[in-house]
N, C-alpha and C. Protein backbone atom coordinates (compact mmCIF):
# COMPACT_ATOMS: atom_id res chain seq x y z
N MET A 1 0.85 -1.19 0.00
CA MET A 1 0.00 0.00 0.00
C MET A 1 0.89 1.25 0.00
N ARG A 2 0.57 2.20 -0.83
CA ARG A 2 1.33 3.44 -0.91
C ARG A 2 0.89 4.38 0.21
N ARG A 3 1.84 5.04 0.85
CA ARG A 3 1.54 6.02 1.89
C ARG A 3 1.69 7.41 1.30
N ARG A 4 0.79 8.27 1.67
CA ARG A 4 0.86 9.65 1.21
C ARG A 4 0.80 10.56 2.42
N SER A 5 1.49 11.68 2.32
CA SER A 5 1.45 12.62 3.44
C SER A 5 0.54 13.78 3.11
N PHE A 6 -0.14 14.28 4.11
CA PHE A 6 -1.01 15.44 3.97
C PHE A 6 -0.49 16.50 4.95
N ALA A 7 0.22 17.48 4.45
CA ALA A 7 0.78 18.52 5.31
C ALA A 7 -0.28 19.58 5.60
N LEU A 8 -0.19 20.16 6.76
CA LEU A 8 -1.15 21.19 7.16
C LEU A 8 -0.41 22.48 7.45
N GLY A 9 -0.91 23.58 6.93
CA GLY A 9 -0.24 24.86 7.06
C GLY A 9 -0.55 25.62 8.34
N LEU A 10 -1.50 25.18 9.14
CA LEU A 10 -1.88 25.94 10.34
C LEU A 10 -1.16 25.50 11.59
N SER A 11 -0.30 24.51 11.53
CA SER A 11 0.26 23.93 12.74
C SER A 11 1.11 24.91 13.54
N GLY A 12 1.65 25.95 12.94
CA GLY A 12 2.46 26.90 13.67
C GLY A 12 1.69 28.07 14.26
N LEU A 13 0.39 28.09 14.07
CA LEU A 13 -0.41 29.23 14.54
C LEU A 13 -0.68 29.12 16.03
N ALA A 14 -0.37 30.15 16.76
CA ALA A 14 -0.71 30.21 18.18
C ALA A 14 -2.02 30.97 18.32
N LEU A 15 -2.86 30.47 19.17
CA LEU A 15 -4.15 31.12 19.38
C LEU A 15 -3.97 32.28 20.33
N VAL A 16 -4.42 33.45 19.91
CA VAL A 16 -4.29 34.65 20.72
C VAL A 16 -5.67 35.19 21.05
N SER A 17 -5.75 35.89 22.13
CA SER A 17 -7.03 36.45 22.55
C SER A 17 -7.22 37.83 21.93
N THR A 18 -8.37 38.02 21.30
CA THR A 18 -8.71 39.33 20.76
C THR A 18 -10.08 39.69 21.28
N PRO A 19 -10.31 40.96 21.57
CA PRO A 19 -11.60 41.34 22.14
C PRO A 19 -12.75 41.21 21.15
N GLY A 20 -13.84 40.59 21.59
CA GLY A 20 -15.07 40.53 20.79
C GLY A 20 -14.99 39.57 19.64
N LEU A 21 -16.13 39.13 19.19
CA LEU A 21 -16.22 38.23 18.05
C LEU A 21 -16.12 39.00 16.74
N LEU A 22 -15.38 38.44 15.82
CA LEU A 22 -15.30 38.99 14.48
C LEU A 22 -16.55 38.54 13.73
N GLN A 23 -17.30 39.45 13.19
CA GLN A 23 -18.53 39.12 12.48
C GLN A 23 -18.22 38.88 11.00
N ALA A 24 -18.97 37.97 10.40
CA ALA A 24 -18.74 37.61 9.00
C ALA A 24 -18.89 38.81 8.07
N GLN A 25 -19.82 39.70 8.39
CA GLN A 25 -20.02 40.85 7.51
C GLN A 25 -18.91 41.89 7.66
N ALA A 26 -18.09 41.79 8.72
CA ALA A 26 -16.98 42.72 8.91
C ALA A 26 -15.75 42.29 8.11
N VAL A 27 -15.80 41.13 7.54
CA VAL A 27 -14.69 40.59 6.77
C VAL A 27 -15.01 40.72 5.28
N GLU A 28 -14.02 41.11 4.49
CA GLU A 28 -14.19 41.13 3.03
C GLU A 28 -13.92 39.73 2.51
N TRP A 29 -14.89 39.18 1.78
CA TRP A 29 -14.80 37.81 1.29
C TRP A 29 -14.49 37.79 -0.20
N GLU A 30 -13.84 36.72 -0.62
CA GLU A 30 -13.56 36.52 -2.03
C GLU A 30 -14.12 35.16 -2.45
N ASP A 31 -14.83 35.15 -3.57
CA ASP A 31 -15.33 33.89 -4.12
C ASP A 31 -14.21 33.24 -4.93
N ILE A 32 -13.93 31.99 -4.62
CA ILE A 32 -12.89 31.24 -5.31
C ILE A 32 -13.58 30.14 -6.10
N VAL A 33 -13.28 30.07 -7.39
CA VAL A 33 -13.85 29.05 -8.25
C VAL A 33 -12.68 28.39 -8.97
N SER A 34 -12.63 27.06 -8.93
CA SER A 34 -11.54 26.36 -9.61
C SER A 34 -11.65 26.57 -11.12
N ALA A 35 -10.52 26.47 -11.79
CA ALA A 35 -10.48 26.69 -13.25
C ALA A 35 -11.40 25.72 -13.98
N ASP A 36 -11.57 24.52 -13.45
CA ASP A 36 -12.43 23.53 -14.11
C ASP A 36 -13.83 23.50 -13.50
N ASP A 37 -14.14 24.49 -12.67
CA ASP A 37 -15.46 24.64 -12.04
C ASP A 37 -15.84 23.43 -11.18
N GLN A 38 -14.85 22.76 -10.58
CA GLN A 38 -15.12 21.60 -9.73
C GLN A 38 -15.37 21.97 -8.27
N PHE A 39 -14.97 23.18 -7.87
CA PHE A 39 -15.30 23.62 -6.52
C PHE A 39 -15.47 25.13 -6.47
N ARG A 40 -16.23 25.56 -5.48
CA ARG A 40 -16.42 26.97 -5.17
C ARG A 40 -16.29 27.12 -3.66
N LEU A 41 -15.74 28.23 -3.23
CA LEU A 41 -15.49 28.46 -1.81
C LEU A 41 -15.37 29.95 -1.56
N GLN A 42 -15.65 30.36 -0.36
CA GLN A 42 -15.40 31.75 0.03
C GLN A 42 -14.28 31.77 1.07
N MET A 43 -13.33 32.67 0.85
CA MET A 43 -12.21 32.88 1.79
C MET A 43 -12.12 34.37 2.06
N PRO A 44 -11.65 34.74 3.25
CA PRO A 44 -11.40 36.16 3.49
C PRO A 44 -10.36 36.69 2.51
N LYS A 45 -10.57 37.91 2.02
CA LYS A 45 -9.60 38.52 1.10
C LYS A 45 -8.24 38.60 1.79
N GLY A 46 -7.21 38.47 0.97
CA GLY A 46 -5.85 38.53 1.49
C GLY A 46 -5.29 37.16 1.85
N TYR A 47 -5.99 36.10 1.46
CA TYR A 47 -5.49 34.76 1.76
C TYR A 47 -4.21 34.51 0.98
N LYS A 48 -3.44 33.55 1.45
CA LYS A 48 -2.20 33.17 0.79
C LYS A 48 -2.43 31.87 0.03
N LEU A 49 -1.94 31.79 -1.20
CA LEU A 49 -2.05 30.59 -2.03
C LEU A 49 -0.68 29.93 -2.13
N VAL A 50 -0.62 28.63 -1.83
CA VAL A 50 0.61 27.86 -1.90
C VAL A 50 0.32 26.61 -2.72
N SER A 51 1.17 26.30 -3.68
CA SER A 51 1.01 25.09 -4.51
C SER A 51 2.27 24.27 -4.45
N GLY A 52 2.12 22.98 -4.68
CA GLY A 52 3.31 22.13 -4.70
C GLY A 52 3.01 20.74 -5.21
N MET A 53 4.06 20.03 -5.49
CA MET A 53 3.97 18.64 -5.94
C MET A 53 4.24 17.77 -4.72
N GLN A 54 3.43 16.73 -4.57
CA GLN A 54 3.58 15.81 -3.45
C GLN A 54 4.06 14.46 -3.95
N THR A 55 4.22 13.55 -3.02
CA THR A 55 4.64 12.19 -3.33
C THR A 55 3.72 11.57 -4.38
N PHE A 56 4.25 10.72 -5.19
CA PHE A 56 3.49 9.98 -6.20
C PHE A 56 2.84 10.89 -7.23
N GLY A 57 3.38 12.11 -7.45
CA GLY A 57 2.89 12.98 -8.50
C GLY A 57 1.62 13.74 -8.18
N MET A 58 1.16 13.69 -6.93
CA MET A 58 -0.05 14.44 -6.57
C MET A 58 0.28 15.92 -6.45
N THR A 59 -0.63 16.76 -6.88
CA THR A 59 -0.44 18.20 -6.68
C THR A 59 -1.39 18.66 -5.59
N LYS A 60 -0.98 19.68 -4.88
CA LYS A 60 -1.78 20.18 -3.77
C LYS A 60 -1.73 21.70 -3.81
N GLN A 61 -2.88 22.32 -3.51
CA GLN A 61 -2.97 23.76 -3.38
C GLN A 61 -3.57 24.08 -2.03
N TYR A 62 -2.98 25.03 -1.33
CA TYR A 62 -3.49 25.52 -0.06
C TYR A 62 -3.93 26.96 -0.22
N ARG A 63 -4.98 27.32 0.47
CA ARG A 63 -5.35 28.71 0.65
C ARG A 63 -5.47 28.92 2.14
N ILE A 64 -4.72 29.88 2.68
CA ILE A 64 -4.64 30.07 4.12
C ILE A 64 -4.95 31.53 4.45
N ALA A 65 -5.79 31.73 5.46
CA ALA A 65 -6.12 33.09 5.93
C ALA A 65 -6.12 33.09 7.45
N PHE A 66 -5.81 34.24 8.04
CA PHE A 66 -5.74 34.37 9.48
C PHE A 66 -6.53 35.57 9.99
N PRO A 67 -7.85 35.55 9.90
CA PRO A 67 -8.61 36.69 10.43
C PRO A 67 -8.74 36.63 11.95
N SER A 68 -8.40 37.68 12.63
CA SER A 68 -8.70 37.89 14.05
C SER A 68 -8.36 36.74 14.98
N GLY A 69 -7.12 36.25 14.94
CA GLY A 69 -6.68 35.30 15.95
C GLY A 69 -7.00 33.85 15.69
N PHE A 70 -7.60 33.51 14.57
CA PHE A 70 -7.78 32.11 14.24
C PHE A 70 -7.36 31.88 12.81
N GLY A 71 -7.24 30.61 12.43
CA GLY A 71 -6.75 30.29 11.09
C GLY A 71 -7.75 29.49 10.29
N LEU A 72 -7.81 29.79 9.00
CA LEU A 72 -8.66 29.07 8.06
C LEU A 72 -7.77 28.50 6.97
N GLU A 73 -8.01 27.27 6.60
CA GLU A 73 -7.21 26.66 5.54
C GLU A 73 -8.11 25.81 4.67
N PHE A 74 -7.88 25.91 3.37
CA PHE A 74 -8.57 25.07 2.41
C PHE A 74 -7.52 24.42 1.53
N ALA A 75 -7.51 23.10 1.46
CA ALA A 75 -6.53 22.38 0.65
C ALA A 75 -7.24 21.48 -0.34
N VAL A 76 -6.71 21.46 -1.56
CA VAL A 76 -7.20 20.57 -2.61
C VAL A 76 -6.02 19.72 -3.04
N THR A 77 -6.20 18.41 -2.97
CA THR A 77 -5.17 17.48 -3.43
C THR A 77 -5.71 16.74 -4.64
N ASP A 78 -4.98 16.82 -5.75
CA ASP A 78 -5.34 16.05 -6.94
C ASP A 78 -4.72 14.66 -6.78
N LEU A 79 -5.56 13.67 -6.70
CA LEU A 79 -5.13 12.29 -6.51
C LEU A 79 -4.90 11.67 -7.88
N LYS A 80 -3.77 11.08 -8.10
CA LYS A 80 -3.42 10.50 -9.40
C LYS A 80 -3.72 9.01 -9.41
N ASN A 81 -4.13 8.51 -10.56
CA ASN A 81 -4.33 7.08 -10.78
C ASN A 81 -5.27 6.44 -9.77
N GLU A 82 -6.34 7.10 -9.44
CA GLU A 82 -7.32 6.57 -8.50
C GLU A 82 -8.60 6.22 -9.24
N SER A 83 -9.29 5.21 -8.76
CA SER A 83 -10.55 4.81 -9.36
C SER A 83 -11.71 5.45 -8.61
N PRO A 84 -12.51 6.27 -9.28
CA PRO A 84 -13.63 6.91 -8.59
C PRO A 84 -14.70 5.90 -8.18
N LEU A 85 -14.61 4.68 -8.68
CA LEU A 85 -15.62 3.68 -8.36
C LEU A 85 -15.29 2.89 -7.09
N ASP A 86 -14.11 3.05 -6.53
CA ASP A 86 -13.71 2.28 -5.36
C ASP A 86 -13.93 3.09 -4.08
N PRO A 87 -15.03 2.84 -3.34
CA PRO A 87 -15.32 3.62 -2.14
C PRO A 87 -14.31 3.40 -1.02
N THR A 88 -13.58 2.28 -1.03
CA THR A 88 -12.59 2.07 0.03
C THR A 88 -11.43 3.05 -0.11
N LEU A 89 -11.11 3.45 -1.34
CA LEU A 89 -10.07 4.45 -1.52
C LEU A 89 -10.51 5.80 -0.96
N GLN A 90 -11.77 6.15 -1.18
CA GLN A 90 -12.27 7.41 -0.64
C GLN A 90 -12.20 7.39 0.88
N GLU A 91 -12.63 6.31 1.49
CA GLU A 91 -12.59 6.19 2.95
C GLU A 91 -11.16 6.28 3.47
N ASP A 92 -10.23 5.64 2.76
CA ASP A 92 -8.82 5.67 3.15
C ASP A 92 -8.27 7.09 3.09
N HIS A 93 -8.57 7.82 2.02
CA HIS A 93 -8.09 9.21 1.90
C HIS A 93 -8.65 10.08 3.02
N LEU A 94 -9.92 9.93 3.33
CA LEU A 94 -10.53 10.72 4.40
C LEU A 94 -9.88 10.42 5.75
N ARG A 95 -9.73 9.16 6.05
CA ARG A 95 -9.15 8.75 7.33
C ARG A 95 -7.72 9.27 7.46
N ARG A 96 -6.94 9.14 6.38
CA ARG A 96 -5.55 9.59 6.46
C ARG A 96 -5.44 11.11 6.56
N ALA A 97 -6.36 11.84 5.93
CA ALA A 97 -6.35 13.31 6.07
C ALA A 97 -6.61 13.71 7.52
N ILE A 98 -7.56 13.06 8.16
CA ILE A 98 -7.86 13.35 9.57
C ILE A 98 -6.70 12.93 10.46
N ASP A 99 -6.14 11.75 10.22
CA ASP A 99 -5.00 11.26 11.00
C ASP A 99 -3.81 12.21 10.89
N ALA A 100 -3.56 12.72 9.67
CA ALA A 100 -2.44 13.64 9.47
C ALA A 100 -2.64 14.92 10.27
N ALA A 101 -3.87 15.41 10.31
CA ALA A 101 -4.15 16.62 11.09
C ALA A 101 -3.91 16.36 12.57
N GLN A 102 -4.35 15.23 13.05
CA GLN A 102 -4.16 14.94 14.47
C GLN A 102 -2.68 14.77 14.80
N GLN A 103 -1.91 14.18 13.91
CA GLN A 103 -0.47 14.01 14.15
C GLN A 103 0.26 15.34 14.22
N ARG A 104 -0.23 16.34 13.50
CA ARG A 104 0.40 17.66 13.54
C ARG A 104 0.13 18.39 14.84
N TRP A 105 -0.81 17.90 15.61
CA TRP A 105 -1.17 18.50 16.90
C TRP A 105 -1.01 17.47 18.00
N PRO A 106 0.24 17.21 18.43
CA PRO A 106 0.47 16.23 19.49
C PRO A 106 -0.37 16.55 20.72
N GLY A 107 -0.94 15.53 21.31
CA GLY A 107 -1.78 15.72 22.49
C GLY A 107 -3.21 16.08 22.18
N SER A 108 -3.56 16.21 20.89
CA SER A 108 -4.94 16.54 20.54
C SER A 108 -5.84 15.35 20.83
N THR A 109 -7.08 15.65 21.16
CA THR A 109 -8.05 14.59 21.46
C THR A 109 -9.34 14.86 20.70
N TYR A 110 -10.04 13.78 20.36
CA TYR A 110 -11.30 13.90 19.65
C TYR A 110 -12.39 14.44 20.56
N LEU A 111 -13.11 15.46 20.09
CA LEU A 111 -14.31 15.94 20.74
C LEU A 111 -15.55 15.48 19.98
N GLU A 112 -15.46 15.48 18.65
CA GLU A 112 -16.57 15.08 17.79
C GLU A 112 -16.03 14.42 16.54
N ARG A 113 -16.82 13.48 16.01
CA ARG A 113 -16.48 12.86 14.72
C ARG A 113 -17.78 12.36 14.11
N GLU A 114 -18.03 12.76 12.83
CA GLU A 114 -19.23 12.29 12.17
C GLU A 114 -19.04 12.21 10.66
N ASP A 115 -19.77 11.29 10.05
CA ASP A 115 -19.79 11.21 8.59
C ASP A 115 -20.67 12.34 8.07
N VAL A 116 -20.22 12.99 6.99
CA VAL A 116 -20.98 14.09 6.40
C VAL A 116 -21.00 13.91 4.89
N TRP A 117 -21.93 14.58 4.25
CA TRP A 117 -22.06 14.57 2.80
C TRP A 117 -22.18 16.00 2.32
N LEU A 118 -21.56 16.29 1.19
CA LEU A 118 -21.72 17.57 0.52
C LEU A 118 -22.13 17.23 -0.90
N GLY A 119 -23.44 17.27 -1.14
CA GLY A 119 -23.96 16.76 -2.40
C GLY A 119 -23.69 15.27 -2.46
N SER A 120 -23.00 14.82 -3.51
CA SER A 120 -22.68 13.40 -3.62
C SER A 120 -21.30 13.07 -3.06
N ALA A 121 -20.61 14.07 -2.50
CA ALA A 121 -19.26 13.86 -1.96
C ALA A 121 -19.33 13.36 -0.51
N ARG A 122 -18.70 12.22 -0.29
CA ARG A 122 -18.63 11.65 1.05
C ARG A 122 -17.56 12.36 1.84
N GLY A 123 -17.81 12.58 3.15
CA GLY A 123 -16.82 13.27 3.95
C GLY A 123 -16.82 12.87 5.41
N LEU A 124 -15.87 13.44 6.13
CA LEU A 124 -15.76 13.30 7.57
C LEU A 124 -15.64 14.69 8.17
N ALA A 125 -16.31 14.91 9.28
CA ALA A 125 -16.17 16.16 10.04
C ALA A 125 -15.66 15.78 11.42
N VAL A 126 -14.59 16.44 11.84
CA VAL A 126 -13.95 16.12 13.11
C VAL A 126 -13.65 17.41 13.84
N VAL A 127 -13.81 17.38 15.17
CA VAL A 127 -13.37 18.49 16.02
C VAL A 127 -12.39 17.90 17.02
N LEU A 128 -11.18 18.46 17.05
CA LEU A 128 -10.15 18.04 17.99
C LEU A 128 -9.91 19.13 19.01
N SER A 129 -9.67 18.74 20.24
CA SER A 129 -9.22 19.68 21.26
C SER A 129 -7.70 19.78 21.12
N VAL A 130 -7.17 21.01 21.04
CA VAL A 130 -5.74 21.22 20.85
C VAL A 130 -5.21 22.24 21.85
N GLN A 131 -3.90 22.36 21.86
CA GLN A 131 -3.18 23.35 22.67
C GLN A 131 -3.65 23.32 24.13
N LYS A 132 -3.51 22.13 24.73
CA LYS A 132 -3.85 21.93 26.14
C LYS A 132 -5.28 22.34 26.44
N ASN A 133 -6.19 21.96 25.56
CA ASN A 133 -7.63 22.21 25.69
C ASN A 133 -8.02 23.69 25.66
N THR A 134 -7.16 24.54 25.08
CA THR A 134 -7.50 25.96 24.95
C THR A 134 -8.09 26.27 23.58
N GLY A 135 -7.98 25.33 22.66
CA GLY A 135 -8.47 25.59 21.31
C GLY A 135 -9.05 24.34 20.67
N VAL A 136 -9.59 24.56 19.48
CA VAL A 136 -10.15 23.46 18.70
C VAL A 136 -9.62 23.52 17.27
N LEU A 137 -9.47 22.34 16.69
CA LEU A 137 -9.15 22.21 15.28
C LEU A 137 -10.35 21.53 14.66
N MET A 138 -11.05 22.26 13.80
CA MET A 138 -12.23 21.73 13.12
C MET A 138 -11.81 21.34 11.71
N ILE A 139 -12.14 20.11 11.33
CA ILE A 139 -11.71 19.57 10.04
C ILE A 139 -12.93 19.02 9.31
N ARG A 140 -13.05 19.38 8.05
CA ARG A 140 -14.02 18.75 7.16
C ARG A 140 -13.25 18.31 5.94
N ALA A 141 -13.34 17.02 5.65
CA ALA A 141 -12.64 16.45 4.50
C ALA A 141 -13.65 15.73 3.62
N TYR A 142 -13.50 15.93 2.30
CA TYR A 142 -14.40 15.31 1.32
C TYR A 142 -13.56 14.65 0.23
N ALA A 143 -13.86 13.40 -0.07
CA ALA A 143 -13.16 12.68 -1.13
C ALA A 143 -14.10 12.52 -2.32
N THR A 144 -13.66 13.01 -3.46
CA THR A 144 -14.46 12.89 -4.69
C THR A 144 -13.66 12.26 -5.80
N VAL A 145 -12.61 11.58 -5.45
CA VAL A 145 -11.66 11.02 -6.39
C VAL A 145 -12.01 11.47 -7.82
N PRO A 146 -11.17 12.22 -8.44
CA PRO A 146 -9.75 12.29 -8.21
C PRO A 146 -9.27 13.44 -7.32
N ARG A 147 -10.10 13.94 -6.43
CA ARG A 147 -9.65 15.04 -5.55
C ARG A 147 -10.04 14.79 -4.11
N LEU A 148 -9.21 15.36 -3.24
CA LEU A 148 -9.51 15.39 -1.81
C LEU A 148 -9.57 16.85 -1.42
N TYR A 149 -10.67 17.25 -0.79
CA TYR A 149 -10.87 18.62 -0.33
C TYR A 149 -10.84 18.62 1.20
N VAL A 150 -10.06 19.52 1.79
CA VAL A 150 -9.97 19.58 3.25
C VAL A 150 -10.10 21.04 3.69
N GLN A 151 -11.04 21.28 4.60
CA GLN A 151 -11.20 22.58 5.24
C GLN A 151 -10.74 22.43 6.69
N LEU A 152 -9.90 23.35 7.13
CA LEU A 152 -9.41 23.33 8.51
C LEU A 152 -9.65 24.69 9.15
N VAL A 153 -10.03 24.64 10.41
CA VAL A 153 -10.17 25.87 11.18
C VAL A 153 -9.48 25.64 12.53
N LEU A 154 -8.59 26.53 12.89
CA LEU A 154 -7.96 26.52 14.20
C LEU A 154 -8.46 27.73 14.95
N ALA A 155 -9.07 27.51 16.11
CA ALA A 155 -9.67 28.63 16.84
C ALA A 155 -9.63 28.37 18.34
N ARG A 156 -9.75 29.43 19.10
CA ARG A 156 -9.92 29.30 20.56
C ARG A 156 -11.28 28.66 20.82
N ASN A 157 -11.43 28.05 21.97
CA ASN A 157 -12.71 27.42 22.32
C ASN A 157 -13.87 28.40 22.23
N ASP A 158 -13.67 29.66 22.66
CA ASP A 158 -14.76 30.63 22.66
C ASP A 158 -15.07 31.19 21.27
N GLU A 159 -14.27 30.85 20.27
CA GLU A 159 -14.52 31.30 18.89
C GLU A 159 -15.20 30.24 18.05
N ARG A 160 -15.48 29.10 18.62
CA ARG A 160 -15.99 27.96 17.86
C ARG A 160 -17.28 28.28 17.08
N GLU A 161 -18.12 29.11 17.60
CA GLU A 161 -19.38 29.47 16.95
C GLU A 161 -19.30 30.79 16.18
N ASN A 162 -18.10 31.25 15.90
CA ASN A 162 -17.90 32.52 15.21
C ASN A 162 -18.54 32.48 13.82
N PRO A 163 -19.27 33.52 13.43
CA PRO A 163 -19.91 33.53 12.10
C PRO A 163 -18.93 33.50 10.93
N VAL A 164 -17.71 33.96 11.12
CA VAL A 164 -16.71 33.89 10.05
C VAL A 164 -16.35 32.42 9.79
N ILE A 165 -16.16 31.68 10.86
CA ILE A 165 -15.85 30.25 10.74
C ILE A 165 -17.02 29.53 10.08
N ASP A 166 -18.21 29.83 10.53
CA ASP A 166 -19.40 29.20 9.98
C ASP A 166 -19.53 29.48 8.48
N ARG A 167 -19.30 30.72 8.10
CA ARG A 167 -19.41 31.08 6.67
C ARG A 167 -18.37 30.33 5.85
N PHE A 168 -17.14 30.28 6.33
CA PHE A 168 -16.09 29.57 5.61
C PHE A 168 -16.43 28.09 5.45
N LEU A 169 -16.81 27.43 6.54
CA LEU A 169 -17.08 25.99 6.49
C LEU A 169 -18.30 25.66 5.63
N ASN A 170 -19.27 26.54 5.59
CA ASN A 170 -20.49 26.26 4.85
C ASN A 170 -20.49 26.81 3.42
N SER A 171 -19.39 27.42 3.00
CA SER A 171 -19.36 28.01 1.65
C SER A 171 -18.89 27.04 0.56
N LEU A 172 -18.30 25.93 0.94
CA LEU A 172 -17.75 25.00 -0.05
C LEU A 172 -18.86 24.34 -0.86
N ARG A 173 -18.67 24.34 -2.16
CA ARG A 173 -19.55 23.64 -3.11
C ARG A 173 -18.65 22.81 -4.02
N ILE A 174 -19.00 21.55 -4.20
CA ILE A 174 -18.21 20.66 -5.03
C ILE A 174 -19.03 20.24 -6.24
N GLY A 175 -18.44 20.37 -7.43
CA GLY A 175 -19.11 19.98 -8.67
C GLY A 175 -19.19 18.48 -8.81
N SER A 176 -20.06 18.04 -9.67
CA SER A 176 -20.21 16.59 -9.87
C SER A 176 -19.45 16.09 -11.06
């Protein structure tokens, strides 16, 4: 079995306290649409885009933003030589994406885990307690072979219900 790594760009972010909740309407948003119209997402303006080649010829793109003391990340991994008809591959990609996130946060513990769907895309939603229980890492991963989509949010416990986070997590649309 081939092993693949899923790197996460938010692991170096320290959670800082800022007064008051940042409201979604106070943030300038940008609509992101893939060149092949396979996904749509909203990110705060000023996000950073990082691309690279991964093991086994997979390409990955990250979009990272840091509004008001928390971090948002959206990653798309193009999976090469995968069969869209094999559901075990999709499950394996989802599980490994979640495992990779947890490994980047030593001492993290599961708070929530559930199967989710975005249209016909199968996914996993996980909330981990991180940074000595002062923060949460919220992860939503969707496998649509030939792509893996991962949304990550790193936030303080009291920011978990922030409307900016909610807007980011609920803005993803995946084409069929």
